[in-house]
């Protein structure tokens, strides 16, 4: 069982930056592929970024602005978000998967004001 706890959300002006963190429990964190999703009000949850075997992928809407990274020694995955836009406003969720198992964090709110 893996528990994921996100932090770092908040209110920021357009053009600003935030860094989200996702701390994971468990001794096999390095084996898990990790991702960030987001869900805006009235919209479906969407994939933002993934990291697996040191390879990362991004949604087109965040390419060049967001960076996913991980520190296996700290059991933590990060999402650095730069040049934030009002349309980035959403609840951001951390997601982990490995060997058919998947886990979600509780989410952290990001609000970008114009």
C-alpha atoms as a PDB file:
ATOM      1  CA  UNK A   1       0.000   0.000   0.000  1.00  0.00           C
ATOM      2  CA  UNK A   2       1.231   3.470  -0.913  1.00  0.00           C
ATOM      3  CA  UNK A   3      -0.045   6.699   0.567  1.00  0.00           C
ATOM      4  CA  UNK A   4       0.419   9.913  -1.367  1.00  0.00           C
ATOM      5  CA  UNK A   5       0.237  13.344   0.242  1.00  0.00           C
ATOM      6  CA  UNK A   6       0.344  16.458  -1.918  1.00  0.00           C
ATOM      7  CA  UNK A   7       1.346  19.917  -0.784  1.00  0.00           C
ATOM      8  CA  UNK A   8       2.358  23.243  -2.272  1.00  0.00           C
ATOM      9  CA  UNK A   9      -0.898  24.407  -3.764  1.00  0.00           C
ATOM     10  CA  UNK A  10      -2.247  27.888  -3.256  1.00  0.00           C
ATOM     11  CA  UNK A  11      -3.264  31.159  -4.848  1.00  0.00           C
ATOM     12  CA  UNK A  12      -0.911  32.803  -7.316  1.00  0.00           C
ATOM     13  CA  UNK A  13      -1.193  35.554  -9.897  1.00  0.00           C
ATOM     14  CA  UNK A  14      -1.000  34.801 -13.585  1.00  0.00           C
ATOM     15  CA  UNK A  15       2.621  34.515 -14.673  1.00  0.00           C
ATOM     16  CA  UNK A  16       3.704  33.261 -11.284  1.00  0.00           C
ATOM     17  CA  UNK A  17       5.119  29.932 -10.188  1.00  0.00           C
ATOM     18  CA  UNK A  18       4.317  27.164  -7.741  1.00  0.00           C
ATOM     19  CA  UNK A  19       5.980  23.888  -6.902  1.00  0.00           C
ATOM     20  CA  UNK A  20       3.808  20.992  -5.883  1.00  0.00           C
ATOM     21  CA  UNK A  21       5.201  18.118  -3.874  1.00  0.00           C
ATOM     22  CA  UNK A  22       3.883  14.606  -3.445  1.00  0.00           C
ATOM     23  CA  UNK A  23       5.341  12.595  -0.586  1.00  0.00           C
ATOM     24  CA  UNK A  24       4.901   8.849  -0.844  1.00  0.00           C
ATOM     25  CA  UNK A  25       5.054   6.180   1.798  1.00  0.00           C
ATOM     26  CA  UNK A  26       6.510   2.756   1.121  1.00  0.00           C
ATOM     27  CA  UNK A  27       9.928   1.306   0.482  1.00  0.00           C
ATOM     28  CA  UNK A  28       9.516   0.694  -3.231  1.00  0.00           C
ATOM     29  CA  UNK A  29       8.823   4.249  -4.362  1.00  0.00           C
ATOM     30  CA  UNK A  30      11.551   4.116  -6.996  1.00  0.00           C
ATOM     31  CA  UNK A  31       9.699   1.281  -8.734  1.00  0.00           C
ATOM     32  CA  UNK A  32       6.543   3.319  -9.216  1.00  0.00           C
ATOM     33  CA  UNK A  33       5.719   5.355 -12.245  1.00  0.00           C
ATOM     34  CA  UNK A  34       4.357   8.717 -11.145  1.00  0.00           C
ATOM     35  CA  UNK A  35       2.039  11.278 -12.630  1.00  0.00           C
ATOM     36  CA  UNK A  36       0.203  14.495 -11.926  1.00  0.00           C
ATOM     37  CA  UNK A  37      -3.418  14.959 -12.933  1.00  0.00           C
ATOM     38  CA  UNK A  38      -5.698  17.934 -12.500  1.00  0.00           C
ATOM     39  CA  UNK A  39      -9.412  18.532 -12.419  1.00  0.00           C
ATOM     40  CA  UNK A  40     -11.004  21.903 -12.933  1.00  0.00           C
ATOM     41  CA  UNK A  41     -14.582  22.622 -11.816  1.00  0.00           C
ATOM     42  CA  UNK A  42     -17.073  21.051 -14.186  1.00  0.00           C
ATOM     43  CA  UNK A  43     -14.374  19.308 -16.192  1.00  0.00           C
ATOM     44  CA  UNK A  44     -12.975  15.803 -16.390  1.00  0.00           C
ATOM     45  CA  UNK A  45      -9.745  14.914 -14.691  1.00  0.00           C
ATOM     46  CA  UNK A  46      -6.871  15.300 -17.133  1.00  0.00           C
ATOM     47  CA  UNK A  47      -3.311  14.052 -17.252  1.00  0.00           C
ATOM     48  CA  UNK A  48      -0.723  16.789 -16.788  1.00  0.00           C
ATOM     49  CA  UNK A  49       2.635  15.010 -16.617  1.00  0.00           C
ATOM     50  CA  UNK A  50       4.103  11.559 -16.162  1.00  0.00           C
ATOM     51  CA  UNK A  51       7.490  10.230 -15.137  1.00  0.00           C
ATOM     52  CA  UNK A  52       8.567   6.631 -15.660  1.00  0.00           C
ATOM     53  CA  UNK A  53      12.111   5.298 -15.768  1.00  0.00           C
ATOM     54  CA  UNK A  54      13.420   8.853 -15.825  1.00  0.00           C
ATOM     55  CA  UNK A  55      11.368   9.643 -18.919  1.00  0.00           C
ATOM     56  CA  UNK A  56       8.791  12.378 -18.674  1.00  0.00           C
ATOM     57  CA  UNK A  57       5.821  13.371 -20.790  1.00  0.00           C
ATOM     58  CA  UNK A  58       3.541  16.362 -20.674  1.00  0.00           C
ATOM     59  CA  UNK A  59       0.151  17.476 -21.826  1.00  0.00           C
ATOM     60  CA  UNK A  60       0.420  19.927 -24.696  1.00  0.00           C
ATOM     61  CA  UNK A  61      -1.214  22.609 -22.580  1.00  0.00           C
ATOM     62  CA  UNK A  62       1.672  22.621 -20.078  1.00  0.00           C
ATOM     63  CA  UNK A  63       4.709  21.791 -22.226  1.00  0.00           C
ATOM     64  CA  UNK A  64       7.506  24.259 -21.708  1.00  0.00           C
ATOM     65  CA  UNK A  65       5.919  25.588 -18.502  1.00  0.00           C
ATOM     66  CA  UNK A  66       5.682  22.589 -16.145  1.00  0.00           C
ATOM     67  CA  UNK A  67       8.423  20.175 -15.116  1.00  0.00           C
ATOM     68  CA  UNK A  68       7.950  16.877 -13.305  1.00  0.00           C
ATOM     69  CA  UNK A  69      10.822  15.488 -11.270  1.00  0.00           C
ATOM     70  CA  UNK A  70      11.395  12.993  -8.494  1.00  0.00           C
ATOM     71  CA  UNK A  71      13.765  12.428  -5.613  1.00  0.00           C
ATOM     72  CA  UNK A  72      13.742   8.733  -4.809  1.00  0.00           C
ATOM     73  CA  UNK A  73      15.834   9.279  -1.674  1.00  0.00           C
ATOM     74  CA  UNK A  74      13.023  11.459  -0.320  1.00  0.00           C
ATOM     75  CA  UNK A  75      10.165   9.395  -1.789  1.00  0.00           C
ATOM     76  CA  UNK A  76       8.887  12.593  -3.364  1.00  0.00           C
ATOM     77  CA  UNK A  77       7.751  13.694  -6.783  1.00  0.00           C
ATOM     78  CA  UNK A  78       7.493  17.351  -7.726  1.00  0.00           C
ATOM     79  CA  UNK A  79       5.680  19.461 -10.260  1.00  0.00           C
ATOM     80  CA  UNK A  80       7.318  22.803 -10.935  1.00  0.00           C
ATOM     81  CA  UNK A  81       4.764  25.087 -12.556  1.00  0.00           C
ATOM     82  CA  UNK A  82       5.936  28.308 -14.199  1.00  0.00           C
ATOM     83  CA  UNK A  83       4.158  30.963 -16.231  1.00  0.00           C
ATOM     84  CA  UNK A  84       0.887  29.965 -14.670  1.00  0.00           C
ATOM     85  CA  UNK A  85      -2.346  30.868 -16.405  1.00  0.00           C
ATOM     86  CA  UNK A  86      -5.889  31.200 -15.051  1.00  0.00           C
ATOM     87  CA  UNK A  87      -6.806  28.073 -17.005  1.00  0.00           C
ATOM     88  CA  UNK A  88      -4.338  26.120 -14.863  1.00  0.00           C
ATOM     89  CA  UNK A  89      -6.715  26.564 -11.942  1.00  0.00           C
ATOM     90  CA  UNK A  90      -7.680  23.105 -10.708  1.00  0.00           C
ATOM     91  CA  UNK A  91      -7.228  20.522  -8.006  1.00  0.00           C
ATOM     92  CA  UNK A  92      -3.970  18.741  -8.717  1.00  0.00           C
ATOM     93  CA  UNK A  93      -3.644  15.061  -7.864  1.00  0.00           C
ATOM     94  CA  UNK A  94      -0.601  12.869  -7.498  1.00  0.00           C
ATOM     95  CA  UNK A  95      -0.894   9.362  -8.969  1.00  0.00           C
ATOM     96  CA  UNK A  96       1.343   6.308  -8.677  1.00  0.00           C
ATOM     97  CA  UNK A  97       1.182   2.970 -10.420  1.00  0.00           C
ATOM     98  CA  UNK A  98       3.181  -0.249 -10.474  1.00  0.00           C
ATOM     99  CA  UNK A  99       2.459  -3.905 -11.225  1.00  0.00           C
ATOM    100  CA  UNK A 100      -1.247  -3.341 -11.657  1.00  0.00           C
ATOM    101  CA  UNK A 101      -1.631  -1.274  -8.518  1.00  0.00           C
ATOM    102  CA  UNK A 102      -2.580   2.367  -8.576  1.00  0.00           C
ATOM    103  CA  UNK A 103      -2.836   5.031  -5.904  1.00  0.00           C
ATOM    104  CA  UNK A 104      -4.143   8.595  -5.690  1.00  0.00           C
ATOM    105  CA  UNK A 105      -3.417  11.461  -3.391  1.00  0.00           C
ATOM    106  CA  UNK A 106      -6.117  13.638  -1.895  1.00  0.00           C
ATOM    107  CA  UNK A 107      -5.363  16.602  -4.140  1.00  0.00           C
ATOM    108  CA  UNK A 108      -4.156  20.137  -3.636  1.00  0.00           C
ATOM    109  CA  UNK A 109      -5.905  23.258  -4.910  1.00  0.00           C
ATOM    110  CA  UNK A 110      -4.117  25.584  -7.317  1.00  0.00           C
ATOM    111  CA  UNK A 111      -5.827  28.872  -8.107  1.00  0.00           C
ATOM    112  CA  UNK A 112      -4.383  31.301 -10.631  1.00  0.00           C
ATOM    113  CA  UNK A 113      -5.843  34.794 -10.636  1.00  0.00           C
ATOM    114  CA  UNK A 114      -5.846  37.010 -13.703  1.00  0.00           C
END
